Amino acid sequence: MPEGDTVWLACRRLHAALAGRPLVRAELRVPTLATADLVGRTVREVVSRGKHQLFRFDDGRTLHSHFRMDGTWRIFPSGRPVRGGPAHEIRALLANADQVAVGYRLPVLDLLPTADEDLVIGHLGPDLLGPDWDLDEAVRRFGADPDRAIGEALLDQRNLAGLGTFYRAEICFLQGIHPRRPVAEVPNLRRLVDRAHRLIMANRERPEQTSTGDLRAGARSYVYGRAGESCRRCRTMIMSEEFGPDGQERRSYWCPTCQP
């Protein structure tokens, strides 16, 4: 699933392509929105909230989408063929005179009043990439469930909006904390949360995610995706298992020596 930095960058590119220009073509290819008419409406802005995308229009409505595992938005010059998958996988198409944004395989698509956005994003915790990032509030939310495993808490979007499995694995490694350790036993929870913020901020301007500072393929992570390989610090074999919040199983990685 794309993480918050990937979604932030996608929304930035969508904003550059669509904002400030009226739509000349708009199709929402889901049954509940098949009759919605956005032609002539101007996109005011496209912004991210955690892993959610919000297209805000000048008539006071918002188109909300979410990638989940397989969704994506692609941008093409007007008049050019679109390429991102077969036509039957297109769920949304928004075009102005110059650019076309095509949403493929989007499992979530809602059209609602902008004033009611909380109905779809109000449950989220502080946004790691948002202008209203609040470190104190994020730490408070983690501490509200001290017996929970830190690896579960990091993936819970009600605590932090934007983190996924790459950052869970890498932040726990950088802090020397096993992902199964209870929140109450994390020695410096504030530093861990702040590090999550700083790391995702450092990656937001590029499509590649790295915690090592190396952008070469195979060198971008300490433990993520490296099960069975040697730890870059101590040469112990990296371990992995699946676990996550509320039954949402996600692959986790750790070094048994560096993260006892």
Protein backbone atom coordinates (compact mmCIF):
# COMPACT_ATOMS: atom_id res chain seq x y z
CA MET A 1 0.00 0.00 0.00
CA PRO A 2 1.42 3.44 -0.87
CA GLU A 3 2.48 5.36 2.23
CA GLY A 4 1.90 8.99 3.08
CA ASP A 5 4.92 10.37 1.24
CA THR A 6 3.93 8.59 -1.99
CA VAL A 7 0.38 9.94 -1.70
CA TRP A 8 1.63 13.45 -0.85
CA LEU A 9 3.80 13.50 -3.98
CA ALA A 10 0.96 12.14 -6.14
CA CYS A 11 -1.39 14.87 -4.88
CA ARG A 12 1.23 17.53 -5.52
CA ARG A 13 1.49 16.39 -9.15
CA LEU A 14 -2.29 16.15 -9.51
CA HIS A 15 -2.63 19.68 -8.12
CA ALA A 16 -0.10 21.00 -10.66
CA ALA A 17 -2.02 19.33 -13.50
CA LEU A 18 -5.59 20.18 -12.48
CA ALA A 19 -5.82 23.15 -10.11
CA GLY A 20 -7.19 26.46 -11.32
CA ARG A 21 -8.68 25.15 -14.58
CA PRO A 22 -12.26 24.05 -15.31
CA LEU A 23 -12.93 20.46 -16.22
CA VAL A 24 -13.96 19.78 -19.81
CA ARG A 25 -14.51 16.09 -19.13
CA ALA A 26 -15.31 14.25 -15.92
CA GLU A 27 -16.30 10.63 -15.47
CA LEU A 28 -16.76 8.74 -12.21
CA ARG A 29 -17.17 5.12 -13.18
CA VAL A 30 -18.70 3.71 -10.04
CA PRO A 31 -22.43 2.99 -9.75
CA THR A 32 -23.11 5.40 -6.87
CA LEU A 33 -21.51 8.34 -8.72
CA ALA A 34 -22.39 7.51 -12.32
CA THR A 35 -24.72 10.52 -12.66
CA ALA A 36 -22.49 13.04 -10.85
CA ASP A 37 -21.68 16.03 -13.07
CA LEU A 38 -18.35 17.82 -12.58
CA VAL A 39 -17.92 19.25 -16.07
CA GLY A 40 -17.33 22.99 -15.86
CA ARG A 41 -16.26 22.81 -12.24
CA THR A 42 -12.82 24.17 -11.37
CA VAL A 43 -10.44 22.18 -9.21
CA ARG A 44 -9.36 24.48 -6.36
CA GLU A 45 -6.75 22.15 -4.95
CA VAL A 46 -5.68 18.54 -4.60
CA VAL A 47 -4.30 17.67 -1.18
CA SER A 48 -3.41 14.59 0.79
CA ARG A 49 -4.51 13.65 4.29
CA GLY A 50 -2.45 10.68 5.38
CA LYS A 51 -3.03 8.11 2.63
CA HIS A 52 -6.21 9.80 1.37
CA GLN A 53 -6.55 12.08 -1.67
CA LEU A 54 -8.92 15.07 -1.66
CA PHE A 55 -9.91 16.92 -4.85
CA ARG A 56 -11.67 20.12 -3.79
CA PHE A 57 -13.90 21.92 -6.31
CA ASP A 58 -15.15 25.48 -6.57
CA ASP A 59 -18.76 24.42 -5.96
CA GLY A 60 -18.05 23.26 -2.40
CA ARG A 61 -17.68 19.56 -3.16
CA THR A 62 -14.77 17.18 -2.62
CA LEU A 63 -13.87 14.03 -4.51
CA HIS A 64 -12.25 11.63 -2.04
CA SER A 65 -10.16 8.67 -3.15
CA HIS A 66 -7.83 6.13 -1.58
CA PHE A 67 -5.30 3.84 -3.25
CA ARG A 68 -5.49 0.91 -0.80
CA MET A 69 -3.28 -1.80 -2.35
CA ASP A 70 -3.74 -1.42 -6.10
CA GLY A 71 -5.08 2.04 -6.94
CA THR A 72 -3.19 4.79 -8.72
CA TRP A 73 -3.69 8.14 -10.46
CA ARG A 74 -1.91 8.72 -13.77
CA ILE A 75 -1.53 12.06 -15.60
CA PHE A 76 -1.39 12.43 -19.39
CA PRO A 77 -1.36 15.35 -21.83
CA SER A 78 -4.79 15.95 -23.38
CA GLY A 79 -5.23 14.18 -26.68
CA ARG A 80 -2.66 11.50 -25.92
CA PRO A 81 -3.54 7.83 -25.29
CA VAL A 82 -3.85 6.90 -21.62
CA ARG A 83 -1.78 3.97 -20.36
CA GLY A 84 -2.11 2.60 -16.87
CA GLY A 85 -4.12 -0.54 -17.37
CA PRO A 86 -7.12 -1.79 -19.34
CA ALA A 87 -10.03 0.61 -19.80
CA HIS A 88 -12.31 -1.44 -17.56
CA GLU A 89 -10.01 -0.64 -14.60
CA ILE A 90 -10.56 3.12 -14.91
CA ARG A 91 -12.67 4.39 -12.02
CA ALA A 92 -12.30 8.16 -12.54
CA LEU A 93 -11.26 10.55 -15.28
CA LEU A 94 -10.80 14.29 -14.78
CA ALA A 95 -9.64 16.41 -17.72
CA ASN A 96 -9.07 20.08 -18.41
CA ALA A 97 -7.90 21.56 -21.71
CA ASP A 98 -4.29 20.54 -21.08
CA GLN A 99 -4.10 17.51 -18.79
CA VAL A 100 -6.02 14.32 -18.04
CA ALA A 101 -5.90 12.59 -14.65
CA VAL A 102 -6.99 8.95 -14.76
CA GLY A 103 -7.70 6.92 -11.63
CA TYR A 104 -7.08 3.20 -12.08
CA ARG A 105 -8.35 0.47 -9.74
CA LEU A 106 -9.45 2.95 -7.07
CA PRO A 107 -11.33 0.93 -4.43
CA VAL A 108 -12.58 4.06 -2.64
CA LEU A 109 -14.27 6.95 -4.42
CA ASP A 110 -16.69 9.37 -2.74
CA LEU A 111 -18.19 12.73 -3.68
CA LEU A 112 -19.30 14.80 -0.70
CA PRO A 113 -19.57 18.39 0.52
CA THR A 114 -16.15 19.79 1.42
CA ALA A 115 -17.64 20.80 4.77
CA ASP A 116 -18.29 17.11 5.46
CA GLU A 117 -14.78 15.78 4.79
CA ASP A 118 -14.54 14.66 8.40
CA LEU A 119 -16.97 11.87 7.49
CA VAL A 120 -14.15 10.16 5.57
CA ILE A 121 -10.96 11.50 7.21
CA GLY A 122 -12.08 12.68 10.65
CA HIS A 123 -10.85 9.49 12.31
CA LEU A 124 -7.24 10.09 11.30
CA GLY A 125 -4.52 11.09 13.71
CA PRO A 126 -2.02 13.89 13.13
CA ASP A 127 -0.83 13.98 9.53
CA LEU A 128 2.93 13.47 9.34
CA LEU A 129 3.05 15.60 6.18
CA GLY A 130 0.28 18.03 7.01
CA PRO A 131 0.60 21.71 7.87
CA ASP A 132 -1.02 20.99 11.24
CA TRP A 133 1.42 18.25 12.32
CA ASP A 134 1.20 17.90 16.11
CA LEU A 135 3.92 15.84 17.79
CA ASP A 136 2.39 16.17 21.27
CA GLU A 137 -1.01 14.91 20.10
CA ALA A 138 0.56 11.96 18.28
CA VAL A 139 2.52 10.93 21.37
CA ARG A 140 -0.64 11.25 23.47
CA ARG A 141 -2.55 8.93 21.14
CA PHE A 142 0.18 6.29 21.29
CA GLY A 143 0.27 6.49 25.07
CA ALA A 144 -3.49 5.99 25.35
CA ASP A 145 -3.00 2.24 24.70
CA PRO A 146 0.26 1.40 26.53
CA ASP A 147 -0.09 -2.39 26.25
CA ARG A 148 -0.34 -2.40 22.47
CA ALA A 149 2.64 -3.52 20.37
CA ILE A 150 4.49 -0.53 18.94
CA GLY A 151 4.47 -2.21 15.50
CA GLU A 152 0.67 -2.24 15.55
CA ALA A 153 0.40 1.28 16.93
CA LEU A 154 2.63 2.67 14.16
CA LEU A 155 0.30 1.32 11.45
CA ASP A 156 -2.87 2.57 13.13
CA GLN A 157 -3.88 5.66 11.16
CA ARG A 158 -5.78 6.93 14.20
CA ASN A 159 -2.40 7.49 15.87
CA LEU A 160 -0.42 8.79 12.89
CA ALA A 161 -1.75 9.45 9.41
CA GLY A 162 0.58 8.27 6.67
CA LEU A 163 2.83 5.49 7.98
CA GLY A 164 3.00 2.06 6.37
CA THR A 165 5.12 -1.07 6.55
CA PHE A 166 8.34 0.44 5.18
CA TYR A 167 8.46 3.12 7.85
CA ARG A 168 7.30 0.76 10.60
CA ALA A 169 10.21 -1.58 9.93
CA GLU A 170 12.84 1.10 9.47
CA ILE A 171 11.85 3.32 12.41
CA CYS A 172 11.80 0.38 14.81
CA PHE A 173 15.24 -0.67 13.57
CA LEU A 174 16.69 2.83 13.86
CA GLN A 175 15.37 3.05 17.44
CA GLY A 176 16.58 -0.47 18.32
CA ILE A 177 13.05 -1.57 19.24
CA HIS A 178 11.42 -4.91 18.45
CA PRO A 179 8.04 -4.30 16.71
CA ARG A 180 6.30 -6.50 19.29
CA ARG A 181 7.46 -4.39 22.23
CA PRO A 182 4.56 -2.76 24.13
CA VAL A 183 4.23 0.99 23.75
CA ALA A 184 4.74 1.43 27.50
CA GLU A 185 8.19 -0.17 27.22
CA VAL A 186 9.45 2.05 24.39
CA PRO A 187 12.21 4.04 26.11
CA ASN A 188 11.73 7.32 24.25
CA LEU A 189 8.36 7.35 22.53
CA ARG A 190 8.56 11.04 21.67
CA ARG A 191 11.87 10.55 19.88
CA LEU A 192 10.47 7.59 17.93
CA VAL A 193 7.45 9.58 16.74
CA ASP A 194 9.59 12.59 15.88
CA ARG A 195 11.94 10.35 13.92
CA ALA A 196 9.00 9.00 11.94
CA HIS A 197 8.06 12.55 11.05
CA ARG A 198 11.58 13.53 10.03
CA LEU A 199 12.15 10.40 7.95
CA ILE A 200 8.93 10.64 5.94
CA MET A 201 9.52 14.37 5.43
CA ALA A 202 12.98 13.62 4.02
CA ASN A 203 11.50 11.23 1.44
CA ARG A 204 8.43 13.17 0.31
CA GLU A 205 10.00 14.95 -2.68
CA ARG A 206 11.00 11.74 -4.52
CA PRO A 207 9.35 8.46 -5.48
CA GLU A 208 12.06 6.35 -3.80
CA GLN A 209 11.88 5.66 -0.06
CA THR A 210 15.15 5.31 1.83
CA SER A 211 16.20 5.17 5.46
CA THR A 212 19.87 4.53 4.72
CA GLY A 213 20.39 7.61 2.57
CA ASP A 214 21.30 5.36 -0.38
CA LEU A 215 18.90 5.46 -3.34
CA ARG A 216 20.33 2.45 -5.14
CA ALA A 217 18.00 -0.52 -5.56
CA GLY A 218 18.61 -3.04 -2.78
CA ALA A 219 20.37 -0.49 -0.58
CA ARG A 220 17.50 1.73 0.54
CA SER A 221 16.50 -0.08 3.73
CA TYR A 222 18.10 -1.62 6.81
CA VAL A 223 15.56 -4.41 7.34
CA TYR A 224 12.46 -3.81 5.19
CA GLY A 225 12.17 -6.45 2.47
CA ARG A 226 15.41 -8.12 3.59
CA ALA A 227 14.18 -11.25 5.40
CA GLY A 228 16.90 -13.89 5.40
CA GLU A 229 19.63 -11.40 4.53
CA SER A 230 22.36 -10.16 6.87
CA CYS A 231 21.82 -7.11 9.06
CA ARG A 232 23.85 -4.18 7.75
CA ARG A 233 25.06 -3.47 11.31
CA CYS A 234 25.72 -6.81 12.99
CA ARG A 235 25.36 -9.45 10.21
CA THR A 236 22.57 -11.32 12.07
CA MET A 237 19.92 -12.75 9.74
CA ILE A 238 16.88 -10.45 9.36
CA MET A 239 13.60 -12.02 10.54
CA SER A 240 10.02 -11.34 9.42
CA GLU A 241 6.43 -12.14 10.28
CA GLU A 242 2.97 -10.79 9.53
CA PHE A 243 1.02 -8.80 12.09
CA GLY A 244 -0.87 -5.54 12.23
CA PRO A 245 -3.69 -3.54 13.83
CA ASP A 246 -7.25 -4.86 14.00
CA GLY A 247 -6.46 -8.02 12.05
CA GLN A 248 -4.85 -6.15 9.15
CA GLU A 249 -1.86 -8.44 8.67
CA ARG A 250 1.20 -6.68 7.27
CA ARG A 251 4.73 -8.02 6.84
CA SER A 252 7.12 -6.87 9.58
CA TYR A 253 10.94 -7.06 9.59
CA TRP A 254 13.52 -6.83 12.37
CA CYS A 255 17.03 -7.80 13.42
CA PRO A 256 17.01 -10.11 16.49
CA THR A 257 20.31 -8.67 17.72
CA CYS A 258 19.78 -4.96 17.09
CA GLN A 259 16.11 -5.15 18.16
CA PRO A 260 15.94 -7.67 21.00
